[in-house]
Amino acid sequence: MNKLSLGIPCYGAQEAKWWSQLARYTAQLSKTVDLVDILVSDSMATDHNRNLIVENFLKTDSEWLFWIDADTTVPIGSAERLLATEKQFISGLYYAKHPPHNPIAYYKLGDNYQSIGVDNSWERGEILEVETVGFGCMLTHRSIFEKMKESYIPKQIVGGGMTLIHKDDISESNPNLEAKLYGDKWVQTLVDPAFDYKFPFFALEFGRTEDIWFTEKAKRLR
């Protein structure tokens, strides 16, 4: 039986209906998987919430982390259906809260992203390979997080926060300075962290949400 934990980042209080749905969901889920833990973080910093959840997840013996956002309800059977695909990193399809309610899954369009709902060139039930996706209904194997820690080096941005630099991008002749983080216009000076830190699996940078930032890093783990 698969060992699975739920990861639920919260941003303030949730409605009673949301918690009652989660109770029904977990009751059913515990019949089909070994539900190891329900990991919750409730600060207003979205990246901090996810980093803390991953840190605590890696302390468990869970194989899988199934993310449910606190503003998203997922249908009963969703985790089992995603597990059945045998994919290590896969999301269920869900939609934006605001019109035109496009799917939170994106193709690359130049330097930006475009929702797969713009052209709708897919069918219900189809498994699509996309460039980036939200984490409101996301199944992730623990090996993804372990490989990220093996492949990336945390760096402190001078005058800013933390980021990750792939080991292939660091040379002996220039281990810290002027690493390009995003596009040709963004250049930052990076140094080794001068303080204790949580590994930044997720970060908010350059107007992008933390889940997009994560998927961009994860693509290089192939």
N, C-alpha and C. Protein backbone atom coordinates (compact mmCIF):
# COMPACT_ATOMS: atom_id res chain seq x y z
N MET A 1 0.85 -1.19 0.00
CA MET A 1 0.00 0.00 0.00
C MET A 1 0.88 1.24 0.00
N ASN A 2 0.57 2.20 -0.85
CA ASN A 2 1.36 3.43 -0.94
C ASN A 2 1.31 4.22 0.36
N LYS A 3 2.50 4.69 0.78
CA LYS A 3 2.57 5.58 1.94
C LYS A 3 2.47 7.02 1.44
N LEU A 4 1.48 7.75 1.93
CA LEU A 4 1.18 9.07 1.40
C LEU A 4 0.88 10.04 2.54
N SER A 5 1.36 11.26 2.38
CA SER A 5 1.00 12.36 3.28
C SER A 5 0.30 13.45 2.49
N LEU A 6 -0.59 14.15 3.15
CA LEU A 6 -1.23 15.32 2.56
C LEU A 6 -0.45 16.57 2.96
N GLY A 7 -0.29 17.48 2.03
CA GLY A 7 0.31 18.78 2.30
C GLY A 7 -0.70 19.87 2.04
N ILE A 8 -1.03 20.65 3.07
CA ILE A 8 -2.09 21.65 2.95
C ILE A 8 -1.55 23.01 3.41
N PRO A 9 -1.12 23.87 2.47
CA PRO A 9 -0.74 25.23 2.84
C PRO A 9 -1.99 26.09 3.00
N CYS A 10 -2.09 26.77 4.15
CA CYS A 10 -3.26 27.59 4.44
C CYS A 10 -2.87 29.06 4.50
N TYR A 11 -3.78 29.91 4.13
CA TYR A 11 -3.54 31.35 4.13
C TYR A 11 -4.72 32.03 4.83
N GLY A 12 -4.79 31.88 6.14
CA GLY A 12 -5.92 32.40 6.88
C GLY A 12 -6.94 31.30 7.14
N ALA A 13 -8.13 31.70 7.58
CA ALA A 13 -9.16 30.73 7.96
C ALA A 13 -9.87 30.16 6.73
N GLN A 14 -10.28 28.89 6.84
CA GLN A 14 -11.05 28.25 5.79
C GLN A 14 -12.49 28.06 6.25
N GLU A 15 -13.41 28.02 5.32
CA GLU A 15 -14.81 27.84 5.66
C GLU A 15 -15.06 26.43 6.20
N ALA A 16 -16.10 26.33 7.01
CA ALA A 16 -16.45 25.03 7.59
C ALA A 16 -16.74 23.99 6.51
N LYS A 17 -17.35 24.42 5.41
CA LYS A 17 -17.65 23.47 4.32
C LYS A 17 -16.37 22.87 3.74
N TRP A 18 -15.30 23.69 3.70
CA TRP A 18 -14.04 23.17 3.16
C TRP A 18 -13.48 22.09 4.07
N TRP A 19 -13.49 22.33 5.39
CA TRP A 19 -12.97 21.34 6.33
C TRP A 19 -13.82 20.08 6.35
N SER A 20 -15.13 20.21 6.23
CA SER A 20 -15.98 19.02 6.23
C SER A 20 -15.72 18.18 4.99
N GLN A 21 -15.48 18.84 3.85
CA GLN A 21 -15.14 18.09 2.64
C GLN A 21 -13.81 17.39 2.80
N LEU A 22 -12.83 18.07 3.43
CA LEU A 22 -11.53 17.44 3.65
C LEU A 22 -11.66 16.24 4.56
N ALA A 23 -12.51 16.33 5.59
CA ALA A 23 -12.71 15.20 6.50
C ALA A 23 -13.27 13.99 5.74
N ARG A 24 -14.25 14.23 4.87
CA ARG A 24 -14.79 13.13 4.06
C ARG A 24 -13.73 12.55 3.14
N TYR A 25 -12.93 13.46 2.56
CA TYR A 25 -11.90 13.02 1.62
C TYR A 25 -10.87 12.13 2.32
N THR A 26 -10.35 12.57 3.46
CA THR A 26 -9.32 11.80 4.16
C THR A 26 -9.86 10.49 4.70
N ALA A 27 -11.12 10.47 5.12
CA ALA A 27 -11.72 9.22 5.59
C ALA A 27 -11.74 8.17 4.49
N GLN A 28 -12.09 8.59 3.29
CA GLN A 28 -12.10 7.66 2.16
C GLN A 28 -10.68 7.30 1.73
N LEU A 29 -9.78 8.30 1.71
CA LEU A 29 -8.41 8.07 1.28
C LEU A 29 -7.70 7.06 2.16
N SER A 30 -7.97 7.10 3.46
CA SER A 30 -7.29 6.19 4.40
C SER A 30 -7.65 4.73 4.18
N LYS A 31 -8.69 4.48 3.39
CA LYS A 31 -9.07 3.10 3.07
C LYS A 31 -8.23 2.52 1.93
N THR A 32 -7.59 3.40 1.15
CA THR A 32 -6.91 2.94 -0.07
C THR A 32 -5.40 3.15 -0.04
N VAL A 33 -4.91 4.03 0.85
CA VAL A 33 -3.47 4.26 0.99
C VAL A 33 -3.11 4.24 2.47
N ASP A 34 -1.83 4.13 2.75
CA ASP A 34 -1.35 4.30 4.12
C ASP A 34 -1.16 5.79 4.35
N LEU A 35 -2.14 6.43 4.96
CA LEU A 35 -2.11 7.88 5.17
C LEU A 35 -1.22 8.16 6.38
N VAL A 36 0.01 8.61 6.10
CA VAL A 36 1.03 8.76 7.13
C VAL A 36 0.80 10.01 7.97
N ASP A 37 0.51 11.14 7.31
CA ASP A 37 0.40 12.39 8.05
C ASP A 37 -0.39 13.40 7.21
N ILE A 38 -0.90 14.42 7.91
CA ILE A 38 -1.50 15.58 7.27
C ILE A 38 -0.67 16.78 7.70
N LEU A 39 0.07 17.36 6.77
CA LEU A 39 1.04 18.41 7.06
C LEU A 39 0.44 19.75 6.67
N VAL A 40 0.40 20.67 7.64
CA VAL A 40 -0.24 21.96 7.43
C VAL A 40 0.71 23.07 7.84
N SER A 41 0.72 24.15 7.06
CA SER A 41 1.42 25.37 7.44
C SER A 41 0.50 26.54 7.14
N ASP A 42 0.48 27.53 8.05
CA ASP A 42 -0.58 28.54 7.94
C ASP A 42 -0.08 29.97 7.99
N SER A 43 1.13 30.24 7.48
CA SER A 43 1.56 31.64 7.39
C SER A 43 0.99 32.26 6.13
N MET A 44 1.15 33.57 5.98
CA MET A 44 0.66 34.24 4.77
C MET A 44 1.69 34.20 3.64
N ALA A 45 2.86 33.65 3.89
CA ALA A 45 3.91 33.54 2.86
C ALA A 45 3.76 32.19 2.17
N THR A 46 3.34 32.20 0.92
CA THR A 46 3.04 30.95 0.23
C THR A 46 4.26 30.06 0.06
N ASP A 47 5.41 30.66 -0.24
CA ASP A 47 6.61 29.84 -0.42
C ASP A 47 7.07 29.25 0.91
N HIS A 48 6.98 30.02 1.99
CA HIS A 48 7.36 29.50 3.31
C HIS A 48 6.49 28.30 3.68
N ASN A 49 5.18 28.41 3.44
CA ASN A 49 4.27 27.31 3.76
C ASN A 49 4.70 26.02 3.07
N ARG A 50 4.98 26.11 1.79
CA ARG A 50 5.33 24.90 1.04
C ARG A 50 6.70 24.36 1.47
N ASN A 51 7.65 25.24 1.71
CA ASN A 51 8.97 24.78 2.13
C ASN A 51 8.90 24.05 3.47
N LEU A 52 8.10 24.58 4.40
CA LEU A 52 7.96 23.94 5.70
C LEU A 52 7.28 22.58 5.58
N ILE A 53 6.28 22.50 4.73
CA ILE A 53 5.58 21.22 4.52
C ILE A 53 6.54 20.18 3.94
N VAL A 54 7.35 20.56 2.94
CA VAL A 54 8.30 19.61 2.36
C VAL A 54 9.33 19.18 3.40
N GLU A 55 9.82 20.12 4.18
CA GLU A 55 10.80 19.80 5.22
C GLU A 55 10.24 18.75 6.19
N ASN A 56 9.01 18.92 6.61
CA ASN A 56 8.39 17.97 7.52
C ASN A 56 8.04 16.66 6.82
N PHE A 57 7.65 16.74 5.55
CA PHE A 57 7.37 15.52 4.78
C PHE A 57 8.59 14.62 4.69
N LEU A 58 9.76 15.21 4.46
CA LEU A 58 10.99 14.41 4.31
C LEU A 58 11.41 13.77 5.63
N LYS A 59 10.83 14.18 6.73
CA LYS A 59 11.10 13.53 8.02
C LYS A 59 10.24 12.29 8.23
N THR A 60 9.21 12.12 7.40
CA THR A 60 8.35 10.95 7.49
C THR A 60 8.90 9.84 6.59
N ASP A 61 8.22 8.71 6.62
CA ASP A 61 8.60 7.63 5.70
C ASP A 61 7.65 7.56 4.51
N SER A 62 6.93 8.65 4.26
CA SER A 62 6.01 8.70 3.12
C SER A 62 6.77 8.65 1.80
N GLU A 63 6.19 7.96 0.84
CA GLU A 63 6.71 7.99 -0.53
C GLU A 63 6.17 9.18 -1.30
N TRP A 64 4.93 9.55 -1.01
CA TRP A 64 4.20 10.52 -1.82
C TRP A 64 3.69 11.67 -0.97
N LEU A 65 3.71 12.87 -1.58
CA LEU A 65 3.09 14.05 -0.98
C LEU A 65 2.00 14.52 -1.93
N PHE A 66 0.78 14.55 -1.43
CA PHE A 66 -0.36 15.00 -2.23
C PHE A 66 -0.79 16.37 -1.72
N TRP A 67 -0.59 17.38 -2.58
CA TRP A 67 -0.90 18.75 -2.21
C TRP A 67 -2.36 19.06 -2.46
N ILE A 68 -3.01 19.71 -1.48
CA ILE A 68 -4.35 20.26 -1.65
C ILE A 68 -4.31 21.69 -1.14
N ASP A 69 -4.58 22.65 -2.01
CA ASP A 69 -4.61 24.04 -1.55
C ASP A 69 -5.87 24.30 -0.73
N ALA A 70 -5.75 25.24 0.20
CA ALA A 70 -6.85 25.52 1.11
C ALA A 70 -7.98 26.32 0.45
N ASP A 71 -7.83 26.66 -0.82
CA ASP A 71 -8.93 27.27 -1.56
C ASP A 71 -9.41 26.35 -2.69
N THR A 72 -9.07 25.06 -2.57
CA THR A 72 -9.39 24.08 -3.61
C THR A 72 -10.01 22.84 -2.98
N THR A 73 -11.07 22.34 -3.56
CA THR A 73 -11.61 21.05 -3.15
C THR A 73 -11.33 20.03 -4.25
N VAL A 74 -10.94 18.85 -3.84
CA VAL A 74 -10.59 17.81 -4.82
C VAL A 74 -11.57 16.65 -4.67
N PRO A 75 -11.93 16.00 -5.76
CA PRO A 75 -12.91 14.92 -5.69
C PRO A 75 -12.34 13.67 -5.03
N ILE A 76 -13.18 12.93 -4.37
CA ILE A 76 -12.78 11.65 -3.79
C ILE A 76 -12.27 10.74 -4.90
N GLY A 77 -11.13 10.11 -4.63
CA GLY A 77 -10.50 9.23 -5.62
C GLY A 77 -9.43 9.90 -6.45
N SER A 78 -9.23 11.21 -6.26
CA SER A 78 -8.26 11.93 -7.10
C SER A 78 -6.83 11.46 -6.85
N ALA A 79 -6.43 11.30 -5.61
CA ALA A 79 -5.06 10.85 -5.32
C ALA A 79 -4.83 9.45 -5.87
N GLU A 80 -5.83 8.58 -5.70
CA GLU A 80 -5.68 7.21 -6.20
C GLU A 80 -5.55 7.19 -7.72
N ARG A 81 -6.31 8.05 -8.37
CA ARG A 81 -6.25 8.10 -9.83
C ARG A 81 -4.89 8.60 -10.31
N LEU A 82 -4.33 9.59 -9.61
CA LEU A 82 -3.01 10.08 -9.98
C LEU A 82 -1.93 9.04 -9.68
N LEU A 83 -2.07 8.32 -8.58
CA LEU A 83 -1.12 7.25 -8.26
C LEU A 83 -1.13 6.17 -9.34
N ALA A 84 -2.29 5.90 -9.90
CA ALA A 84 -2.43 4.84 -10.90
C ALA A 84 -1.68 5.16 -12.19
N THR A 85 -1.36 6.44 -12.44
CA THR A 85 -0.61 6.79 -13.64
C THR A 85 0.86 6.40 -13.55
N GLU A 86 1.34 6.15 -12.32
CA GLU A 86 2.75 5.82 -12.05
C GLU A 86 3.70 6.94 -12.47
N LYS A 87 3.18 8.18 -12.49
CA LYS A 87 4.01 9.36 -12.74
C LYS A 87 4.49 9.91 -11.40
N GLN A 88 5.74 10.38 -11.36
CA GLN A 88 6.29 10.89 -10.11
C GLN A 88 5.90 12.34 -9.83
N PHE A 89 5.40 13.03 -10.82
CA PHE A 89 5.08 14.45 -10.67
C PHE A 89 3.90 14.74 -11.58
N ILE A 90 2.69 14.77 -11.00
CA ILE A 90 1.50 14.88 -11.83
C ILE A 90 0.40 15.62 -11.07
N SER A 91 -0.33 16.45 -11.81
CA SER A 91 -1.39 17.25 -11.21
C SER A 91 -2.74 16.86 -11.79
N GLY A 92 -3.75 16.94 -10.94
CA GLY A 92 -5.11 16.89 -11.44
C GLY A 92 -5.47 18.25 -12.03
N LEU A 93 -6.40 18.25 -12.97
CA LEU A 93 -6.78 19.51 -13.62
C LEU A 93 -7.80 20.25 -12.76
N TYR A 94 -7.52 21.52 -12.52
CA TYR A 94 -8.49 22.38 -11.83
C TYR A 94 -8.42 23.77 -12.45
N TYR A 95 -9.34 24.64 -12.06
CA TYR A 95 -9.57 25.87 -12.81
C TYR A 95 -9.43 27.11 -11.93
N ALA A 96 -9.09 28.22 -12.57
CA ALA A 96 -8.96 29.49 -11.86
C ALA A 96 -10.31 29.94 -11.30
N LYS A 97 -10.24 30.68 -10.19
CA LYS A 97 -11.47 31.15 -9.54
C LYS A 97 -12.16 32.27 -10.32
N HIS A 98 -11.40 33.02 -11.11
CA HIS A 98 -11.93 34.20 -11.76
C HIS A 98 -12.10 33.97 -13.27
N PRO A 99 -13.08 34.64 -13.88
CA PRO A 99 -13.29 34.51 -15.33
C PRO A 99 -12.00 34.81 -16.09
N PRO A 100 -11.71 34.10 -17.20
CA PRO A 100 -12.56 33.09 -17.84
C PRO A 100 -12.39 31.68 -17.28
N HIS A 101 -11.87 31.54 -16.05
CA HIS A 101 -11.77 30.24 -15.38
C HIS A 101 -10.94 29.23 -16.17
N ASN A 102 -9.79 29.69 -16.65
CA ASN A 102 -8.91 28.80 -17.40
C ASN A 102 -8.27 27.76 -16.49
N PRO A 103 -7.88 26.61 -17.04
CA PRO A 103 -7.16 25.60 -16.27
C PRO A 103 -5.83 26.15 -15.74
N ILE A 104 -5.44 25.72 -14.55
CA ILE A 104 -4.16 26.13 -13.96
C ILE A 104 -3.08 25.16 -14.45
N ALA A 105 -2.85 25.17 -15.73
CA ALA A 105 -1.83 24.35 -16.40
C ALA A 105 -1.44 25.11 -17.65
N TYR A 106 -0.14 25.18 -17.95
CA TYR A 106 0.33 26.15 -18.94
C TYR A 106 1.36 25.57 -19.90
N TYR A 107 1.25 26.04 -21.14
CA TYR A 107 2.29 25.85 -22.14
C TYR A 107 3.19 27.08 -22.14
N LYS A 108 4.38 26.93 -22.69
CA LYS A 108 5.30 28.06 -22.83
C LYS A 108 4.90 28.86 -24.06
N LEU A 109 4.87 30.18 -23.90
CA LEU A 109 4.57 31.09 -25.01
C LEU A 109 5.59 32.21 -24.96
N GLY A 110 6.70 32.06 -25.70
CA GLY A 110 7.79 33.02 -25.61
C GLY A 110 8.41 32.99 -24.24
N ASP A 111 8.49 34.16 -23.59
CA ASP A 111 9.01 34.23 -22.23
C ASP A 111 7.90 34.09 -21.19
N ASN A 112 6.67 33.87 -21.64
CA ASN A 112 5.54 33.80 -20.74
C ASN A 112 4.86 32.43 -20.84
N TYR A 113 3.75 32.29 -20.13
CA TYR A 113 3.00 31.05 -20.13
C TYR A 113 1.57 31.31 -20.58
N GLN A 114 0.98 30.32 -21.24
CA GLN A 114 -0.41 30.42 -21.70
C GLN A 114 -1.18 29.21 -21.21
N SER A 115 -2.34 29.43 -20.63
CA SER A 115 -3.15 28.32 -20.13
C SER A 115 -3.53 27.37 -21.26
N ILE A 116 -3.59 26.10 -20.94
CA ILE A 116 -4.01 25.12 -21.95
C ILE A 116 -5.47 25.33 -22.34
N GLY A 117 -6.19 26.15 -21.56
CA GLY A 117 -7.59 26.42 -21.89
C GLY A 117 -7.78 27.40 -23.01
N VAL A 118 -6.71 28.07 -23.44
CA VAL A 118 -6.84 29.07 -24.50
C VAL A 118 -7.20 28.41 -25.82
N ASP A 119 -6.54 27.30 -26.14
CA ASP A 119 -6.87 26.64 -27.41
C ASP A 119 -7.66 25.34 -27.20
N ASN A 120 -7.69 24.82 -25.97
CA ASN A 120 -8.48 23.63 -25.65
C ASN A 120 -8.19 22.45 -26.58
N SER A 121 -6.94 22.27 -26.95
CA SER A 121 -6.57 21.17 -27.85
C SER A 121 -6.23 19.92 -27.04
N TRP A 122 -7.15 19.53 -26.18
CA TRP A 122 -6.98 18.34 -25.35
C TRP A 122 -8.36 17.79 -25.01
N GLU A 123 -8.39 16.57 -24.51
CA GLU A 123 -9.65 15.92 -24.19
C GLU A 123 -9.68 15.55 -22.71
N ARG A 124 -10.83 15.50 -22.15
CA ARG A 124 -11.02 15.12 -20.75
C ARG A 124 -10.44 13.73 -20.50
N GLY A 125 -9.63 13.60 -19.46
CA GLY A 125 -9.02 12.32 -19.13
C GLY A 125 -7.65 12.10 -19.76
N GLU A 126 -7.28 12.96 -20.69
CA GLU A 126 -5.98 12.85 -21.36
C GLU A 126 -4.86 13.29 -20.42
N ILE A 127 -3.71 12.62 -20.50
CA ILE A 127 -2.53 13.02 -19.74
C ILE A 127 -1.67 13.91 -20.65
N LEU A 128 -1.50 15.16 -20.25
CA LEU A 128 -0.76 16.13 -21.05
C LEU A 128 0.57 16.44 -20.40
N GLU A 129 1.60 16.64 -21.22
CA GLU A 129 2.86 17.17 -20.74
C GLU A 129 2.81 18.69 -20.92
N VAL A 130 2.94 19.42 -19.83
CA VAL A 130 2.86 20.88 -19.87
C VAL A 130 4.15 21.47 -19.31
N GLU A 131 4.29 22.80 -19.46
CA GLU A 131 5.50 23.46 -18.98
C GLU A 131 5.45 23.73 -17.48
N THR A 132 4.30 24.13 -16.99
CA THR A 132 4.17 24.41 -15.57
C THR A 132 2.72 24.24 -15.16
N VAL A 133 2.51 24.07 -13.85
CA VAL A 133 1.18 23.73 -13.36
C VAL A 133 1.07 24.17 -11.91
N GLY A 134 -0.16 24.41 -11.46
CA GLY A 134 -0.38 24.76 -10.07
C GLY A 134 -0.29 23.55 -9.15
N PHE A 135 -0.28 23.82 -7.84
CA PHE A 135 -0.12 22.75 -6.86
C PHE A 135 -1.40 22.51 -6.05
N GLY A 136 -2.55 22.93 -6.57
CA GLY A 136 -3.79 22.76 -5.83
C GLY A 136 -4.25 21.33 -5.74
N CYS A 137 -3.78 20.47 -6.66
CA CYS A 137 -4.14 19.05 -6.68
C CYS A 137 -2.96 18.29 -7.27
N MET A 138 -1.85 18.32 -6.57
CA MET A 138 -0.56 17.85 -7.11
C MET A 138 -0.02 16.65 -6.32
N LEU A 139 0.35 15.61 -7.04
CA LEU A 139 0.99 14.45 -6.45
C LEU A 139 2.48 14.48 -6.78
N THR A 140 3.32 14.37 -5.76
CA THR A 140 4.77 14.46 -5.95
C THR A 140 5.45 13.33 -5.18
N HIS A 141 6.32 12.60 -5.86
CA HIS A 141 7.11 11.56 -5.19
C HIS A 141 8.25 12.20 -4.43
N ARG A 142 8.66 11.60 -3.31
CA ARG A 142 9.70 12.20 -2.48
C ARG A 142 11.03 12.31 -3.22
N SER A 143 11.26 11.45 -4.23
CA SER A 143 12.52 11.50 -4.97
C SER A 143 12.70 12.84 -5.69
N ILE A 144 11.61 13.51 -6.05
CA ILE A 144 11.72 14.82 -6.70
C ILE A 144 12.40 15.80 -5.76
N PHE A 145 11.99 15.83 -4.51
CA PHE A 145 12.59 16.74 -3.54
C PHE A 145 14.03 16.34 -3.22
N GLU A 146 14.28 15.04 -3.14
CA GLU A 146 15.63 14.57 -2.85
C GLU A 146 16.59 14.90 -3.99
N LYS A 147 16.13 14.72 -5.23
CA LYS A 147 16.97 15.06 -6.38
C LYS A 147 17.23 16.56 -6.45
N MET A 148 16.24 17.35 -6.05
CA MET A 148 16.44 18.80 -6.07
C MET A 148 17.54 19.20 -5.09
N LYS A 149 17.55 18.60 -3.93
CA LYS A 149 18.59 18.91 -2.95
C LYS A 149 19.96 18.46 -3.43
N GLU A 150 19.99 17.39 -4.22
CA GLU A 150 21.26 16.90 -4.76
C GLU A 150 21.75 17.76 -5.92
N SER A 151 20.83 18.32 -6.69
CA SER A 151 21.19 18.98 -7.95
C SER A 151 21.40 20.48 -7.82
N TYR A 152 20.84 21.10 -6.79
CA TYR A 152 20.88 22.55 -6.65
C TYR A 152 21.64 22.98 -5.39
N ILE A 153 22.26 24.13 -5.49
CA ILE A 153 22.96 24.73 -4.36
C ILE A 153 22.21 26.00 -3.95
N PRO A 154 21.80 26.10 -2.68
CA PRO A 154 21.13 27.33 -2.22
C PRO A 154 22.12 28.49 -2.18
N LYS A 155 21.70 29.63 -2.67
CA LYS A 155 22.50 30.84 -2.64
C LYS A 155 21.68 31.99 -2.07
N GLN A 156 22.36 32.87 -1.40
CA GLN A 156 21.72 34.08 -0.89
C GLN A 156 21.89 35.19 -1.91
N ILE A 157 20.79 35.86 -2.22
CA ILE A 157 20.84 37.01 -3.13
C ILE A 157 21.24 38.23 -2.31
N VAL A 158 22.30 38.89 -2.72
CA VAL A 158 22.74 40.09 -2.01
C VAL A 158 21.63 41.13 -2.08
N GLY A 159 21.16 41.55 -0.92
CA GLY A 159 20.06 42.51 -0.86
C GLY A 159 18.69 41.88 -1.00
N GLY A 160 18.63 40.53 -1.00
CA GLY A 160 17.34 39.88 -1.18
C GLY A 160 17.25 38.59 -0.40
N GLY A 161 16.52 37.61 -0.94
CA GLY A 161 16.27 36.36 -0.25
C GLY A 161 17.16 35.24 -0.74
N MET A 162 16.57 34.04 -0.83
CA MET A 162 17.30 32.84 -1.23
C MET A 162 16.86 32.39 -2.62
N THR A 163 17.78 31.72 -3.30
CA THR A 163 17.45 31.13 -4.58
C THR A 163 18.23 29.83 -4.71
N LEU A 164 17.99 29.11 -5.80
CA LEU A 164 18.69 27.87 -6.10
C LEU A 164 19.43 28.00 -7.41
N ILE A 165 20.68 27.54 -7.43
CA ILE A 165 21.48 27.52 -8.65
C ILE A 165 21.87 26.07 -8.93
N HIS A 166 21.61 25.64 -10.15
CA HIS A 166 21.96 24.27 -10.52
C HIS A 166 23.48 24.11 -10.50
N LYS A 167 23.93 22.96 -10.06
CA LYS A 167 25.37 22.72 -9.96
C LYS A 167 26.07 22.86 -11.30
N ASP A 168 25.37 22.55 -12.39
CA ASP A 168 25.98 22.68 -13.71
C ASP A 168 26.25 24.13 -14.10
N ASP A 169 25.61 25.08 -13.40
CA ASP A 169 25.77 26.49 -13.74
C ASP A 169 26.84 27.19 -12.91
N ILE A 170 27.47 26.45 -12.02
CA ILE A 170 28.50 27.05 -11.16
C ILE A 170 29.86 26.53 -11.58
N SER A 171 30.76 27.45 -11.88
CA SER A 171 32.11 27.08 -12.29
C SER A 171 33.10 27.42 -11.19
N GLU A 172 34.27 26.78 -11.22
CA GLU A 172 35.29 27.06 -10.22
C GLU A 172 35.83 28.48 -10.36
N SER A 173 35.83 29.01 -11.56
CA SER A 173 36.38 30.34 -11.77
C SER A 173 35.42 31.45 -11.33
N ASN A 174 34.15 31.13 -11.26
CA ASN A 174 33.17 32.16 -10.89
C ASN A 174 32.04 31.50 -10.11
N PRO A 175 32.29 31.12 -8.85
CA PRO A 175 31.33 30.33 -8.09
C PRO A 175 30.12 31.11 -7.58
N ASN A 176 30.20 32.43 -7.53
CA ASN A 176 29.12 33.19 -6.89
C ASN A 176 28.54 34.31 -7.73
N LEU A 177 29.35 35.00 -8.50
CA LEU A 177 28.96 36.31 -8.99
C LEU A 177 28.10 36.26 -10.24
N GLU A 178 27.16 37.18 -10.28
CA GLU A 178 26.37 37.49 -11.47
C GLU A 178 25.80 36.25 -12.16
N ALA A 179 25.05 35.47 -11.40
CA ALA A 179 24.35 34.34 -12.00
C ALA A 179 23.02 34.83 -12.56
N LYS A 180 22.72 34.48 -13.80
CA LYS A 180 21.46 34.90 -14.40
C LYS A 180 20.34 34.03 -13.84
N LEU A 181 19.35 34.69 -13.26
CA LEU A 181 18.27 33.96 -12.63
C LEU A 181 17.07 33.81 -13.55
N TYR A 182 16.79 34.82 -14.36
CA TYR A 182 15.59 34.77 -15.18
C TYR A 182 15.73 35.74 -16.34
N GLY A 183 15.87 35.19 -17.52
CA GLY A 183 15.97 36.05 -18.70
C GLY A 183 17.29 36.80 -18.75
N ASP A 184 17.45 37.62 -19.74
CA ASP A 184 18.70 38.36 -19.94
C ASP A 184 18.78 39.63 -19.09
N LYS A 185 17.65 40.11 -18.58
CA LYS A 185 17.66 41.39 -17.89
C LYS A 185 17.90 41.25 -16.39
N TRP A 186 17.74 40.05 -15.87
CA TRP A 186 17.81 39.88 -14.42
C TRP A 186 19.15 39.26 -14.03
N VAL A 187 20.01 40.04 -13.46
CA VAL A 187 21.31 39.56 -13.01
C VAL A 187 21.49 39.95 -11.55
N GLN A 188 21.81 38.99 -10.71
CA GLN A 188 21.96 39.25 -9.29
C GLN A 188 23.30 38.70 -8.80
N THR A 189 23.86 39.33 -7.79
CA THR A 189 25.06 38.83 -7.15
C THR A 189 24.66 37.84 -6.06
N LEU A 190 25.24 36.65 -6.13
CA LEU A 190 24.90 35.58 -5.21
C LEU A 190 26.10 35.22 -4.34
N VAL A 191 25.81 34.89 -3.09
CA VAL A 191 26.86 34.47 -2.15
C VAL A 191 26.35 33.27 -1.38
N ASP A 192 27.26 32.59 -0.68
CA ASP A 192 26.85 31.50 0.19
C ASP A 192 26.02 32.05 1.34
N PRO A 193 25.00 31.32 1.75
CA PRO A 193 24.13 31.82 2.83
C PRO A 193 24.92 32.12 4.11
N ALA A 194 24.58 33.24 4.73
CA ALA A 194 25.26 33.65 5.96
C ALA A 194 24.40 33.36 7.18
N PHE A 195 23.36 32.53 7.03
CA PHE A 195 22.45 32.27 8.14
C PHE A 195 21.83 30.88 7.94
N ASP A 196 21.25 30.35 9.02
CA ASP A 196 20.53 29.09 8.90
C ASP A 196 19.28 29.30 8.05
N TYR A 197 18.94 28.32 7.25
CA TYR A 197 17.82 28.49 6.33
C TYR A 197 17.15 27.15 6.07
N LYS A 198 15.90 27.21 5.66
CA LYS A 198 15.21 26.05 5.13
C LYS A 198 15.52 25.97 3.65
N PHE A 199 15.74 24.76 3.15
CA PHE A 199 16.05 24.60 1.74
C PHE A 199 14.91 25.19 0.91
N PRO A 200 15.23 26.12 0.00
CA PRO A 200 14.17 26.83 -0.75
C PRO A 200 13.68 26.03 -1.97
N PHE A 201 12.89 25.00 -1.70
CA PHE A 201 12.25 24.28 -2.80
C PHE A 201 11.34 25.22 -3.58
N PHE A 202 10.71 26.13 -2.88
CA PHE A 202 9.76 27.08 -3.48
C PHE A 202 10.22 28.50 -3.15
N ALA A 203 10.01 29.41 -4.08
CA ALA A 203 10.35 30.82 -3.84
C ALA A 203 9.49 31.70 -4.73
N LEU A 204 9.27 32.91 -4.27
CA LEU A 204 8.57 33.94 -5.05
C LEU A 204 9.62 34.84 -5.67
N GLU A 205 9.71 34.83 -6.98
CA GLU A 205 10.71 35.66 -7.67
C GLU A 205 10.12 36.26 -8.94
N PHE A 206 10.39 37.53 -9.17
CA PHE A 206 10.09 38.19 -10.42
C PHE A 206 8.61 38.07 -10.82
N GLY A 207 7.74 38.16 -9.84
CA GLY A 207 6.32 38.15 -10.12
C GLY A 207 5.71 36.79 -10.40
N ARG A 208 6.52 35.74 -10.29
CA ARG A 208 6.00 34.40 -10.53
C ARG A 208 5.59 33.76 -9.21
N THR A 209 4.55 32.92 -9.25
CA THR A 209 4.13 32.21 -8.06
C THR A 209 5.14 31.11 -7.74
N GLU A 210 5.08 30.65 -6.50
CA GLU A 210 6.09 29.70 -6.02
C GLU A 210 5.98 28.34 -6.71
N ASP A 211 4.79 27.97 -7.18
CA ASP A 211 4.64 26.68 -7.86
C ASP A 211 5.27 26.72 -9.26
N ILE A 212 5.14 27.86 -9.95
CA ILE A 212 5.82 28.00 -11.24
C ILE A 212 7.33 27.94 -11.05
N TRP A 213 7.83 28.61 -10.03
CA TRP A 213 9.27 28.61 -9.73
C TRP A 213 9.75 27.18 -9.51
N PHE A 214 8.97 26.39 -8.76
CA PHE A 214 9.36 25.01 -8.48
C PHE A 214 9.42 24.18 -9.75
N THR A 215 8.39 24.29 -10.59
CA THR A 215 8.37 23.46 -11.80
C THR A 215 9.51 23.82 -12.74
N GLU A 216 9.88 25.08 -12.78
CA GLU A 216 11.01 25.47 -13.62
C GLU A 216 12.31 24.81 -13.14
N LYS A 217 12.47 24.72 -11.83
CA LYS A 217 13.65 24.03 -11.28
C LYS A 217 13.55 22.52 -11.50
N ALA A 218 12.38 21.97 -11.29
CA ALA A 218 12.21 20.52 -11.38
C ALA A 218 12.45 19.99 -12.78
N LYS A 219 12.20 20.81 -13.81
CA LYS A 219 12.39 20.34 -15.18
C LYS A 219 13.83 19.92 -15.46
N ARG A 220 14.78 20.50 -14.72
CA ARG A 220 16.19 20.17 -14.95
C ARG A 220 16.63 18.91 -14.22
N LEU A 221 15.71 18.24 -13.54
CA LEU A 221 16.05 17.00 -12.83
C LEU A 221 15.94 15.79 -13.72
N ARG A 222 15.49 15.94 -14.93
CA ARG A 222 15.29 14.78 -15.81
C ARG A 222 16.62 14.13 -16.15
